[in-house]
Amino acid sequence: MTRFSSGRRRLIQAVPAALAASALARPAWSSESLGRPVHLIVPFAPGGPVDSIARVLNTELAASLGQNVIVDNRPGGGGVVALNAVTTAPADGNTMVLSSITLVTTPALMTPAPYDAAKDFAPLTVIGFIPHVLAVRAGYPAKTLADLVARGKAKPGSLRYGSSGIGTSAHLAGALFVDRAGLQATHVPYRGSAPAALDLLAGRLDFMFLDVPTLQPYLRAGQLRALAVAPAAGSRALPEVPTIAASGYPGFDIHAWYGMLVKAGTPEAVRQARYQALLKALNSDKFKTFLTTAGIDPGGMPPDQFAALIREDLASWKTAIDRLHISLT
């Protein structure tokens, strides 16, 4: 069984209540934190989906905190550069990182692991869940997931699938699907999802997994077609697209997320205040509209539930990555 989000429904159920409560809660700040800017570290270059979230979030978060929030892009090493910047910063809550799910996949992909995801960071909350979708070009002969699998099995080794790079969530989703479907297929890594999507459009790839924010413009333009979504709960943005789990692969349930963390050892009072400020920002009309437009499912669970999700994902991805023999070193 491929399952990477057994607790996801339970966690998401807590979100609406938490968001409502945040509207009534006012953060209590330590005196030494007042007036000091907050550095919001982004592990990727400006212009990407994570950076876009940070740019919208920072103005709402600054209003909630009563502090300036500076977006600090630290690309490199698949998120390692940014995460290590947090581990070397003071544990005062004024350095935050908006990490992707690479937080939990990278330790399984690199030897030795560049950090301890469960011990080096203090989780605050998930900002949003990003569904991944198996897509093909609009004119591709396979109209359904079953068609694609049948096509691959009729000519073993003929299918090519792209990704935004080795070890990325798109690569891992593709490798897990190929493994689960019993296919022989060639992975073609790119430096980013944009060039991979262009080759998918040009017919040099058969399929690839794309996150909903990246995929939507191609869907609206009629250039790509969505065959199935990876989360078993489906996608709010694409309710008409079947899940992989419901398309013959029960238990297939892969999610990706963006989450906010601070350094381990940050005082509990500061962490809770940061969490409450984040909830207020997430509950703002501006940010909710942004999430809906981008096709991102909202986050917002409390820090202890986010920590539980991280522990669950660390174990699940470690098992899967070891089985598939994927490595960055």
C-alpha atoms as a PDB file:
ATOM      1  CA  MET A   1       0.000   0.000   0.000  1.00  0.00           C
ATOM      2  CA  THR A   2       1.309   3.422  -0.959  1.00  0.00           C
ATOM      3  CA  ARG A   3       0.072   5.795   1.688  1.00  0.00           C
ATOM      4  CA  PHE A   4       1.721   9.051   2.670  1.00  0.00           C
ATOM      5  CA  SER A   5      -1.104  10.919   4.400  1.00  0.00           C
ATOM      6  CA  SER A   6      -3.009   8.569   6.683  1.00  0.00           C
ATOM      7  CA  GLY A   7      -3.474  11.391   9.162  1.00  0.00           C
ATOM      8  CA  ARG A   8      -4.211  14.105   6.591  1.00  0.00           C
ATOM      9  CA  ARG A   9      -8.014  14.078   6.897  1.00  0.00           C
ATOM     10  CA  ARG A  10      -7.751  14.102  10.684  1.00  0.00           C
ATOM     11  CA  LEU A  11      -5.351  17.036  10.542  1.00  0.00           C
ATOM     12  CA  ILE A  12      -7.398  19.034   8.054  1.00  0.00           C
ATOM     13  CA  GLN A  13     -10.561  18.592  10.119  1.00  0.00           C
ATOM     14  CA  ALA A  14      -8.945  20.692  12.838  1.00  0.00           C
ATOM     15  CA  VAL A  15      -8.205  23.585  10.489  1.00  0.00           C
ATOM     16  CA  PRO A  16     -11.578  25.429  10.334  1.00  0.00           C
ATOM     17  CA  ALA A  17     -11.906  25.525  14.117  1.00  0.00           C
ATOM     18  CA  ALA A  18      -8.339  26.689  14.515  1.00  0.00           C
ATOM     19  CA  LEU A  19      -8.808  29.445  11.957  1.00  0.00           C
ATOM     20  CA  ALA A  20     -11.986  30.634  13.646  1.00  0.00           C
ATOM     21  CA  ALA A  21     -10.306  30.684  17.034  1.00  0.00           C
ATOM     22  CA  SER A  22      -7.423  32.713  15.658  1.00  0.00           C
ATOM     23  CA  ALA A  23      -9.733  35.612  14.889  1.00  0.00           C
ATOM     24  CA  LEU A  24     -10.395  35.960  18.624  1.00  0.00           C
ATOM     25  CA  ALA A  25      -6.829  35.378  19.797  1.00  0.00           C
ATOM     26  CA  ARG A  26      -4.280  38.164  20.175  1.00  0.00           C
ATOM     27  CA  PRO A  27      -0.605  37.122  20.262  1.00  0.00           C
ATOM     28  CA  ALA A  28       1.298  37.818  23.454  1.00  0.00           C
ATOM     29  CA  TRP A  29       4.824  38.853  22.513  1.00  0.00           C
ATOM     30  CA  SER A  30       7.959  38.823  24.603  1.00  0.00           C
ATOM     31  CA  SER A  31       9.377  42.313  25.039  1.00  0.00           C
ATOM     32  CA  GLU A  32      12.658  41.406  23.356  1.00  0.00           C
ATOM     33  CA  SER A  33      10.835  40.425  20.153  1.00  0.00           C
ATOM     34  CA  LEU A  34       8.934  43.695  19.737  1.00  0.00           C
ATOM     35  CA  GLY A  35      10.212  46.017  17.057  1.00  0.00           C
ATOM     36  CA  ARG A  36      12.656  43.521  15.557  1.00  0.00           C
ATOM     37  CA  PRO A  37      12.131  42.403  11.951  1.00  0.00           C
ATOM     38  CA  VAL A  38      11.181  38.831  11.164  1.00  0.00           C
ATOM     39  CA  HIS A  39      13.153  37.086   8.429  1.00  0.00           C
ATOM     40  CA  LEU A  40      10.965  34.784   6.374  1.00  0.00           C
ATOM     41  CA  ILE A  41      13.396  32.495   4.566  1.00  0.00           C
ATOM     42  CA  VAL A  42      12.277  30.965   1.265  1.00  0.00           C
ATOM     43  CA  PRO A  43      14.305  27.980  -0.016  1.00  0.00           C
ATOM     44  CA  PHE A  44      13.757  28.840  -3.675  1.00  0.00           C
ATOM     45  CA  ALA A  45      14.436  31.698  -6.073  1.00  0.00           C
ATOM     46  CA  PRO A  46      11.977  34.580  -6.579  1.00  0.00           C
ATOM     47  CA  GLY A  47       9.064  33.927  -8.909  1.00  0.00           C
ATOM     48  CA  GLY A  48       8.276  30.319  -8.014  1.00  0.00           C
ATOM     49  CA  PRO A  49       5.179  29.016  -6.190  1.00  0.00           C
ATOM     50  CA  VAL A  50       6.799  29.032  -2.727  1.00  0.00           C
ATOM     51  CA  ASP A  51       8.060  32.578  -3.234  1.00  0.00           C
ATOM     52  CA  SER A  52       4.590  33.649  -4.403  1.00  0.00           C
ATOM     53  CA  ILE A  53       3.053  32.292  -1.198  1.00  0.00           C
ATOM     54  CA  ALA A  54       5.658  34.125   0.883  1.00  0.00           C
ATOM     55  CA  ARG A  55       5.062  37.434  -0.927  1.00  0.00           C
ATOM     56  CA  VAL A  56       1.328  37.301  -0.259  1.00  0.00           C
ATOM     57  CA  LEU A  57       1.718  35.955   3.257  1.00  0.00           C
ATOM     58  CA  ASN A  58       4.356  38.419   4.446  1.00  0.00           C
ATOM     59  CA  THR A  59       2.112  41.502   4.336  1.00  0.00           C
ATOM     60  CA  GLU A  60      -0.681  39.717   6.207  1.00  0.00           C
ATOM     61  CA  LEU A  61       1.782  38.246   8.689  1.00  0.00           C
ATOM     62  CA  ALA A  62       3.413  41.622   9.326  1.00  0.00           C
ATOM     63  CA  ALA A  63       0.002  43.056  10.206  1.00  0.00           C
ATOM     64  CA  SER A  64      -0.672  40.142  12.575  1.00  0.00           C
ATOM     65  CA  LEU A  65       2.732  40.388  14.235  1.00  0.00           C
ATOM     66  CA  GLY A  66       3.083  44.137  14.392  1.00  0.00           C
ATOM     67  CA  GLN A  67       6.617  43.601  13.052  1.00  0.00           C
ATOM     68  CA  ASN A  68       8.277  44.035   9.695  1.00  0.00           C
ATOM     69  CA  VAL A  69       8.576  40.762   7.765  1.00  0.00           C
ATOM     70  CA  ILE A  70      11.452  40.484   5.299  1.00  0.00           C
ATOM     71  CA  VAL A  71      11.304  37.779   2.633  1.00  0.00           C
ATOM     72  CA  ASP A  72      14.779  36.288   2.285  1.00  0.00           C
ATOM     73  CA  ASN A  73      15.300  33.986  -0.699  1.00  0.00           C
ATOM     74  CA  ARG A  74      17.994  31.357  -0.031  1.00  0.00           C
ATOM     75  CA  PRO A  75      17.898  28.911  -2.978  1.00  0.00           C
ATOM     76  CA  GLY A  76      20.246  25.963  -3.226  1.00  0.00           C
ATOM     77  CA  GLY A  77      20.638  22.330  -2.319  1.00  0.00           C
ATOM     78  CA  GLY A  78      16.963  21.500  -2.701  1.00  0.00           C
ATOM     79  CA  GLY A  79      16.105  23.602   0.349  1.00  0.00           C
ATOM     80  CA  VAL A  80      19.162  22.632   2.418  1.00  0.00           C
ATOM     81  CA  VAL A  81      20.744  26.113   2.275  1.00  0.00           C
ATOM     82  CA  ALA A  82      17.613  27.775   3.652  1.00  0.00           C
ATOM     83  CA  LEU A  83      16.984  25.161   6.318  1.00  0.00           C
ATOM     84  CA  ASN A  84      20.576  25.303   7.529  1.00  0.00           C
ATOM     85  CA  ALA A  85      20.228  29.089   7.786  1.00  0.00           C
ATOM     86  CA  VAL A  86      17.469  28.510  10.334  1.00  0.00           C
ATOM     87  CA  THR A  87      19.520  26.034  12.370  1.00  0.00           C
ATOM     88  CA  THR A  88      22.331  28.584  12.732  1.00  0.00           C
ATOM     89  CA  ALA A  89      20.035  31.515  13.646  1.00  0.00           C
ATOM     90  CA  PRO A  90      19.072  32.448  17.207  1.00  0.00           C
ATOM     91  CA  ALA A  91      16.164  30.426  18.627  1.00  0.00           C
ATOM     92  CA  ASP A  92      14.020  33.517  19.151  1.00  0.00           C
ATOM     93  CA  GLY A  93      11.281  33.015  16.553  1.00  0.00           C
ATOM     94  CA  ASN A  94      12.461  35.917  14.402  1.00  0.00           C
ATOM     95  CA  THR A  95      13.833  33.595  11.723  1.00  0.00           C
ATOM     96  CA  MET A  96      11.149  31.509  10.058  1.00  0.00           C
ATOM     97  CA  VAL A  97      11.344  29.224   7.039  1.00  0.00           C
ATOM     98  CA  LEU A  98       8.598  28.412   4.558  1.00  0.00           C
ATOM     99  CA  SER A  99       9.625  24.884   3.620  1.00  0.00           C
ATOM    100  CA  SER A 100       8.225  22.485   1.085  1.00  0.00           C
ATOM    101  CA  ILE A 101       7.897  18.737   1.607  1.00  0.00           C
ATOM    102  CA  THR A 102      11.597  18.474   0.718  1.00  0.00           C
ATOM    103  CA  LEU A 103      12.065  18.983   4.460  1.00  0.00           C
ATOM    104  CA  VAL A 104      11.147  15.314   4.936  1.00  0.00           C
ATOM    105  CA  THR A 105      12.308  13.815   1.638  1.00  0.00           C
ATOM    106  CA  THR A 106      15.856  15.229   1.507  1.00  0.00           C
ATOM    107  CA  PRO A 107      17.140  13.349   4.592  1.00  0.00           C
ATOM    108  CA  ALA A 108      16.230  10.077   2.871  1.00  0.00           C
ATOM    109  CA  LEU A 109      17.872  11.175  -0.377  1.00  0.00           C
ATOM    110  CA  MET A 110      21.244  12.279   1.024  1.00  0.00           C
ATOM    111  CA  THR A 111      23.918  10.427   3.017  1.00  0.00           C
ATOM    112  CA  PRO A 112      24.720  11.743   5.505  1.00  0.00           C
ATOM    113  CA  ALA A 113      21.467  13.602   6.094  1.00  0.00           C
ATOM    114  CA  PRO A 114      22.072  17.383   6.060  1.00  0.00           C
ATOM    115  CA  TYR A 115      19.816  17.955   9.083  1.00  0.00           C
ATOM    116  CA  ASP A 116      17.442  16.164  11.444  1.00  0.00           C
ATOM    117  CA  ALA A 117      13.974  17.227  10.355  1.00  0.00           C
ATOM    118  CA  ALA A 118      12.350  15.982  13.559  1.00  0.00           C
ATOM    119  CA  LYS A 119      14.836  17.551  15.993  1.00  0.00           C
ATOM    120  CA  ASP A 120      16.377  20.648  14.399  1.00  0.00           C
ATOM    121  CA  PHE A 121      13.123  22.526  13.779  1.00  0.00           C
ATOM    122  CA  ALA A 122      10.005  23.554  15.689  1.00  0.00           C
ATOM    123  CA  PRO A 123       6.947  23.221  13.412  1.00  0.00           C
ATOM    124  CA  LEU A 124       4.377  26.023  13.495  1.00  0.00           C
ATOM    125  CA  THR A 125       1.745  25.078  10.927  1.00  0.00           C
ATOM    126  CA  VAL A 126       1.120  23.887   7.382  1.00  0.00           C
ATOM    127  CA  ILE A 127       0.376  26.838   5.116  1.00  0.00           C
ATOM    128  CA  GLY A 128      -1.258  24.713   2.423  1.00  0.00           C
ATOM    129  CA  PHE A 129      -1.513  21.296   0.783  1.00  0.00           C
ATOM    130  CA  ILE A 130      -0.578  21.148  -2.895  1.00  0.00           C
ATOM    131  CA  PRO A 131      -2.182  18.334  -4.879  1.00  0.00           C
ATOM    132  CA  HIS A 132      -0.065  16.726  -7.577  1.00  0.00           C
ATOM    133  CA  VAL A 133      -1.747  15.621 -10.782  1.00  0.00           C
ATOM    134  CA  LEU A 134      -0.706  13.106 -13.421  1.00  0.00           C
ATOM    135  CA  ALA A 135      -0.993  15.011 -16.699  1.00  0.00           C
ATOM    136  CA  VAL A 136      -0.523  14.315 -20.405  1.00  0.00           C
ATOM    137  CA  ARG A 137      -0.635  16.618 -23.416  1.00  0.00           C
ATOM    138  CA  ALA A 138      -4.099  17.367 -24.757  1.00  0.00           C
ATOM    139  CA  GLY A 139      -3.686  15.260 -27.903  1.00  0.00           C
ATOM    140  CA  TYR A 140      -2.118  12.246 -26.196  1.00  0.00           C
ATOM    141  CA  PRO A 141      -3.757   8.912 -27.213  1.00  0.00           C
ATOM    142  CA  ALA A 142      -4.363   7.782 -23.609  1.00  0.00           C
ATOM    143  CA  LYS A 143      -7.623   9.296 -22.351  1.00  0.00           C
ATOM    144  CA  THR A 144      -7.609   7.667 -18.905  1.00  0.00           C
ATOM    145  CA  LEU A 145      -5.109   6.348 -16.406  1.00  0.00           C
ATOM    146  CA  ALA A 146      -6.009   2.808 -17.447  1.00  0.00           C
ATOM    147  CA  ASP A 147      -5.245   3.730 -21.072  1.00  0.00           C
ATOM    148  CA  LEU A 148      -1.831   5.053 -20.075  1.00  0.00           C
ATOM    149  CA  VAL A 149      -0.953   1.924 -18.119  1.00  0.00           C
ATOM    150  CA  ALA A 150      -2.140  -0.325 -20.940  1.00  0.00           C
ATOM    151  CA  ARG A 151      -0.050   1.661 -23.396  1.00  0.00           C
ATOM    152  CA  GLY A 152       3.024   1.265 -21.200  1.00  0.00           C
ATOM    153  CA  LYS A 153       2.533  -2.456 -20.692  1.00  0.00           C
ATOM    154  CA  ALA A 154       1.988  -3.078 -24.400  1.00  0.00           C
ATOM    155  CA  LYS A 155       5.477  -1.689 -25.094  1.00  0.00           C
ATOM    156  CA  PRO A 156       7.584  -2.085 -21.941  1.00  0.00           C
ATOM    157  CA  GLY A 157      10.156   0.677 -21.509  1.00  0.00           C
ATOM    158  CA  SER A 158       8.530   2.975 -24.048  1.00  0.00           C
ATOM    159  CA  LEU A 159       7.040   5.505 -21.603  1.00  0.00           C
ATOM    160  CA  ARG A 160       9.003   8.590 -20.577  1.00  0.00           C
ATOM    161  CA  TYR A 161       7.985  10.769 -17.638  1.00  0.00           C
ATOM    162  CA  GLY A 162       9.457  14.091 -16.659  1.00  0.00           C
ATOM    163  CA  SER A 163      10.008  15.927 -13.404  1.00  0.00           C
ATOM    164  CA  SER A 164      11.424  19.168 -12.059  1.00  0.00           C
ATOM    165  CA  GLY A 165      14.538  17.315 -10.897  1.00  0.00           C
ATOM    166  CA  ILE A 166      15.838  14.181  -9.214  1.00  0.00           C
ATOM    167  CA  GLY A 167      14.345  13.741  -5.770  1.00  0.00           C
ATOM    168  CA  THR A 168      11.630  16.370  -6.211  1.00  0.00           C
ATOM    169  CA  SER A 169       8.062  15.563  -5.222  1.00  0.00           C
ATOM    170  CA  ALA A 170       7.135  15.277  -8.913  1.00  0.00           C
ATOM    171  CA  HIS A 171       9.897  12.719  -9.464  1.00  0.00           C
ATOM    172  CA  LEU A 172       8.969  10.733  -6.367  1.00  0.00           C
ATOM    173  CA  ALA A 173       5.277  10.710  -7.280  1.00  0.00           C
ATOM    174  CA  GLY A 174       6.120   9.499 -10.778  1.00  0.00           C
ATOM    175  CA  ALA A 175       8.507   6.805  -9.560  1.00  0.00           C
ATOM    176  CA  LEU A 176       5.978   5.560  -7.005  1.00  0.00           C
ATOM    177  CA  PHE A 177       3.223   5.393  -9.602  1.00  0.00           C
ATOM    178  CA  VAL A 178       5.431   3.543 -12.093  1.00  0.00           C
ATOM    179  CA  ASP A 179       6.374   1.084  -9.349  1.00  0.00           C
ATOM    180  CA  ARG A 180       2.797   0.584  -8.194  1.00  0.00           C
ATOM    181  CA  ALA A 181       1.471   0.150 -11.741  1.00  0.00           C
ATOM    182  CA  GLY A 182       4.183  -2.369 -12.595  1.00  0.00           C
ATOM    183  CA  LEU A 183       5.487  -0.291 -15.505  1.00  0.00           C
ATOM    184  CA  GLN A 184       8.905   0.058 -17.064  1.00  0.00           C
ATOM    185  CA  ALA A 185       9.385   3.761 -17.748  1.00  0.00           C
ATOM    186  CA  THR A 186      12.261   6.213 -18.120  1.00  0.00           C
ATOM    187  CA  HIS A 187      12.553   9.205 -15.813  1.00  0.00           C
ATOM    188  CA  VAL A 188      13.773  12.418 -17.465  1.00  0.00           C
ATOM    189  CA  PRO A 189      14.768  15.093 -14.908  1.00  0.00           C
ATOM    190  CA  TYR A 190      14.777  18.808 -15.727  1.00  0.00           C
ATOM    191  CA  ARG A 191      15.880  21.947 -13.923  1.00  0.00           C
ATOM    192  CA  GLY A 192      12.415  23.040 -12.960  1.00  0.00           C
ATOM    193  CA  SER A 193       8.858  22.191 -13.915  1.00  0.00           C
ATOM    194  CA  ALA A 194       8.603  24.817 -16.701  1.00  0.00           C
ATOM    195  CA  PRO A 195      11.076  23.177 -19.135  1.00  0.00           C
ATOM    196  CA  ALA A 196       9.647  19.753 -18.313  1.00  0.00           C
ATOM    197  CA  ALA A 197       6.129  20.955 -19.085  1.00  0.00           C
ATOM    198  CA  LEU A 198       7.329  22.373 -22.419  1.00  0.00           C
ATOM    199  CA  ASP A 199       8.719  18.980 -23.419  1.00  0.00           C
ATOM    200  CA  LEU A 200       5.469  17.343 -22.304  1.00  0.00           C
ATOM    201  CA  LEU A 201       3.603  19.722 -24.602  1.00  0.00           C
ATOM    202  CA  ALA A 202       6.055  18.980 -27.434  1.00  0.00           C
ATOM    203  CA  GLY A 203       5.494  15.226 -27.140  1.00  0.00           C
ATOM    204  CA  ARG A 204       8.978  14.395 -25.905  1.00  0.00           C
ATOM    205  CA  LEU A 205       7.452  13.066 -22.685  1.00  0.00           C
ATOM    206  CA  ASP A 206       4.438  10.822 -22.179  1.00  0.00           C
ATOM    207  CA  PHE A 207       3.349  12.076 -18.774  1.00  0.00           C
ATOM    208  CA  MET A 208       4.469  13.856 -15.639  1.00  0.00           C
ATOM    209  CA  PHE A 209       3.175  14.887 -12.243  1.00  0.00           C
ATOM    210  CA  LEU A 210       2.579  18.621 -11.882  1.00  0.00           C
ATOM    211  CA  ASP A 211       1.325  20.540  -8.875  1.00  0.00           C
ATOM    212  CA  VAL A 212      -2.044  22.211  -9.348  1.00  0.00           C
ATOM    213  CA  PRO A 213      -0.766  25.835  -9.353  1.00  0.00           C
ATOM    214  CA  THR A 214       1.656  25.000 -12.179  1.00  0.00           C
ATOM    215  CA  LEU A 215      -0.825  22.848 -14.084  1.00  0.00           C
ATOM    216  CA  GLN A 216      -3.884  25.110 -14.048  1.00  0.00           C
ATOM    217  CA  PRO A 217      -2.796  27.581 -16.761  1.00  0.00           C
ATOM    218  CA  TYR A 218      -2.118  24.680 -19.132  1.00  0.00           C
ATOM    219  CA  LEU A 219      -5.516  23.169 -18.354  1.00  0.00           C
ATOM    220  CA  ARG A 220      -7.296  26.475 -18.961  1.00  0.00           C
ATOM    221  CA  ALA A 221      -5.451  26.847 -22.272  1.00  0.00           C
ATOM    222  CA  GLY A 222      -6.465  23.323 -23.314  1.00  0.00           C
ATOM    223  CA  GLN A 223      -2.832  22.291 -23.720  1.00  0.00           C
ATOM    224  CA  LEU A 224      -2.652  19.571 -21.068  1.00  0.00           C
ATOM    225  CA  ARG A 225      -5.149  17.031 -19.734  1.00  0.00           C
ATOM    226  CA  ALA A 226      -5.366  15.779 -16.163  1.00  0.00           C
ATOM    227  CA  LEU A 227      -5.767  11.998 -15.857  1.00  0.00           C
ATOM    228  CA  ALA A 228      -5.700  11.545 -12.076  1.00  0.00           C
ATOM    229  CA  VAL A 229      -4.776  13.293  -8.837  1.00  0.00           C
ATOM    230  CA  ALA A 230      -2.327  11.832  -6.324  1.00  0.00           C
ATOM    231  CA  PRO A 231      -4.068  12.610  -2.983  1.00  0.00           C
ATOM    232  CA  ALA A 232      -6.750  10.056  -2.116  1.00  0.00           C
ATOM    233  CA  ALA A 233      -8.919  12.921  -0.849  1.00  0.00           C
ATOM    234  CA  GLY A 234      -8.860  14.510  -4.306  1.00  0.00           C
ATOM    235  CA  SER A 235      -8.332  18.164  -5.166  1.00  0.00           C
ATOM    236  CA  ARG A 236     -10.734  20.996  -4.375  1.00  0.00           C
ATOM    237  CA  ALA A 237      -9.524  22.784  -7.476  1.00  0.00           C
ATOM    238  CA  LEU A 238     -10.111  19.765  -9.759  1.00  0.00           C
ATOM    239  CA  PRO A 239     -13.086  17.912  -8.244  1.00  0.00           C
ATOM    240  CA  GLU A 240     -13.952  16.293 -11.567  1.00  0.00           C
ATOM    241  CA  VAL A 241     -10.562  14.563 -11.907  1.00  0.00           C
ATOM    242  CA  PRO A 242     -10.490  11.030 -10.409  1.00  0.00           C
ATOM    243  CA  THR A 243      -7.929  10.021  -7.841  1.00  0.00           C
ATOM    244  CA  ILE A 244      -5.256   7.437  -8.548  1.00  0.00           C
ATOM    245  CA  ALA A 245      -6.595   5.469  -5.574  1.00  0.00           C
ATOM    246  CA  ALA A 246     -10.050   5.295  -7.171  1.00  0.00           C
ATOM    247  CA  SER A 247      -8.590   4.443 -10.580  1.00  0.00           C
ATOM    248  CA  GLY A 248      -7.397   0.975  -9.679  1.00  0.00           C
ATOM    249  CA  TYR A 249      -4.678   1.658  -7.105  1.00  0.00           C
ATOM    250  CA  PRO A 250      -6.334   1.688  -3.677  1.00  0.00           C
ATOM    251  CA  GLY A 251      -4.220   3.193  -0.928  1.00  0.00           C
ATOM    252  CA  PHE A 252      -2.235   5.400  -3.307  1.00  0.00           C
ATOM    253  CA  ASP A 253      -2.289   8.692  -1.406  1.00  0.00           C
ATOM    254  CA  ILE A 254       0.503  11.206  -1.912  1.00  0.00           C
ATOM    255  CA  HIS A 255       0.376  14.796  -0.772  1.00  0.00           C
ATOM    256  CA  ALA A 256       2.793  17.699  -0.775  1.00  0.00           C
ATOM    257  CA  TRP A 257       2.692  20.696   1.530  1.00  0.00           C
ATOM    258  CA  TYR A 258       4.288  24.008   2.388  1.00  0.00           C
ATOM    259  CA  GLY A 259       4.841  24.611   6.084  1.00  0.00           C
ATOM    260  CA  MET A 260       6.275  27.238   8.415  1.00  0.00           C
ATOM    261  CA  LEU A 261       8.959  26.338  10.957  1.00  0.00           C
ATOM    262  CA  VAL A 262      11.357  28.000  13.375  1.00  0.00           C
ATOM    263  CA  LYS A 263      14.490  26.737  15.066  1.00  0.00           C
ATOM    264  CA  ALA A 264      14.174  24.023  17.700  1.00  0.00           C
ATOM    265  CA  GLY A 265      14.552  25.501  21.152  1.00  0.00           C
ATOM    266  CA  THR A 266      12.429  28.557  20.405  1.00  0.00           C
ATOM    267  CA  PRO A 267      10.469  29.272  23.619  1.00  0.00           C
ATOM    268  CA  GLU A 268       7.000  27.740  23.672  1.00  0.00           C
ATOM    269  CA  ALA A 269       5.315  31.102  24.314  1.00  0.00           C
ATOM    270  CA  VAL A 270       6.990  32.580  21.241  1.00  0.00           C
ATOM    271  CA  ARG A 271       6.079  29.571  19.107  1.00  0.00           C
ATOM    272  CA  GLN A 272       2.429  29.769  20.129  1.00  0.00           C
ATOM    273  CA  ALA A 273       2.354  33.496  19.455  1.00  0.00           C
ATOM    274  CA  ARG A 274       3.844  32.937  16.015  1.00  0.00           C
ATOM    275  CA  TYR A 275       1.278  30.225  15.341  1.00  0.00           C
ATOM    276  CA  GLN A 276      -1.614  32.500  16.327  1.00  0.00           C
ATOM    277  CA  ALA A 277      -0.257  35.272  14.108  1.00  0.00           C
ATOM    278  CA  LEU A 278       0.038  32.835  11.200  1.00  0.00           C
ATOM    279  CA  LEU A 279      -3.539  31.679  11.688  1.00  0.00           C
ATOM    280  CA  LYS A 280      -4.748  35.258  11.561  1.00  0.00           C
ATOM    281  CA  ALA A 281      -2.798  35.790   8.337  1.00  0.00           C
ATOM    282  CA  LEU A 282      -4.096  32.538   6.827  1.00  0.00           C
ATOM    283  CA  ASN A 283      -7.647  33.586   7.707  1.00  0.00           C
ATOM    284  CA  SER A 284      -7.355  36.920   5.911  1.00  0.00           C
ATOM    285  CA  ASP A 285      -9.542  37.402   2.853  1.00  0.00           C
ATOM    286  CA  LYS A 286      -6.494  38.210   0.736  1.00  0.00           C
ATOM    287  CA  PHE A 287      -4.669  35.000   1.553  1.00  0.00           C
ATOM    288  CA  LYS A 288      -7.752  32.773   1.316  1.00  0.00           C
ATOM    289  CA  THR A 289      -8.470  34.216  -2.136  1.00  0.00           C
ATOM    290  CA  PHE A 290      -4.864  33.558  -3.147  1.00  0.00           C
ATOM    291  CA  LEU A 291      -5.068  29.898  -2.053  1.00  0.00           C
ATOM    292  CA  THR A 292      -8.360  29.352  -3.887  1.00  0.00           C
ATOM    293  CA  THR A 293      -7.043  30.942  -7.087  1.00  0.00           C
ATOM    294  CA  ALA A 294      -3.828  28.909  -6.916  1.00  0.00           C
ATOM    295  CA  GLY A 295      -5.657  25.635  -6.265  1.00  0.00           C
ATOM    296  CA  ILE A 296      -3.953  25.077  -2.907  1.00  0.00           C
ATOM    297  CA  ASP A 297      -5.915  23.382  -0.112  1.00  0.00           C
ATOM    298  CA  PRO A 298      -5.648  25.391   3.144  1.00  0.00           C
ATOM    299  CA  GLY A 299      -3.509  24.333   6.081  1.00  0.00           C
ATOM    300  CA  GLY A 300      -3.610  25.722   9.596  1.00  0.00           C
ATOM    301  CA  MET A 301      -3.357  22.774  12.007  1.00  0.00           C
ATOM    302  CA  PRO A 302      -1.710  23.336  15.409  1.00  0.00           C
ATOM    303  CA  PRO A 303       2.051  22.836  15.850  1.00  0.00           C
ATOM    304  CA  ASP A 304       1.737  19.424  17.528  1.00  0.00           C
ATOM    305  CA  GLN A 305      -0.314  18.064  14.636  1.00  0.00           C
ATOM    306  CA  PHE A 306       2.126  19.467  12.090  1.00  0.00           C
ATOM    307  CA  ALA A 307       4.938  17.774  14.050  1.00  0.00           C
ATOM    308  CA  ALA A 308       3.020  14.485  13.870  1.00  0.00           C
ATOM    309  CA  LEU A 309       2.613  14.914  10.104  1.00  0.00           C
ATOM    310  CA  ILE A 310       6.355  15.502   9.723  1.00  0.00           C
ATOM    311  CA  ARG A 311       7.179  12.349  11.698  1.00  0.00           C
ATOM    312  CA  GLU A 312       4.715  10.313   9.631  1.00  0.00           C
ATOM    313  CA  ASP A 313       6.069  11.646   6.338  1.00  0.00           C
ATOM    314  CA  LEU A 314       9.688  11.091   7.373  1.00  0.00           C
ATOM    315  CA  ALA A 315       8.992   7.410   7.942  1.00  0.00           C
ATOM    316  CA  SER A 316       6.842   6.950   4.835  1.00  0.00           C
ATOM    317  CA  TRP A 317       9.203   8.665   2.430  1.00  0.00           C
ATOM    318  CA  LYS A 318      12.266   6.943   3.910  1.00  0.00           C
ATOM    319  CA  THR A 319      10.666   3.557   3.253  1.00  0.00           C
ATOM    320  CA  ALA A 320       9.621   4.473  -0.290  1.00  0.00           C
ATOM    321  CA  ILE A 321      12.884   6.154  -1.306  1.00  0.00           C
ATOM    322  CA  ASP A 322      14.974   3.265   0.000  1.00  0.00           C
ATOM    323  CA  ARG A 323      12.811   0.781  -1.904  1.00  0.00           C
ATOM    324  CA  LEU A 324      13.098   2.761  -5.136  1.00  0.00           C
ATOM    325  CA  HIS A 325      16.873   3.290  -4.698  1.00  0.00           C
ATOM    326  CA  ILE A 326      16.686   7.042  -5.366  1.00  0.00           C
ATOM    327  CA  SER A 327      19.587   9.136  -4.115  1.00  0.00           C
ATOM    328  CA  LEU A 328      21.081  12.605  -4.459  1.00  0.00           C
ATOM    329  CA  THR A 329      24.546  11.495  -3.333  1.00  0.00           C
END
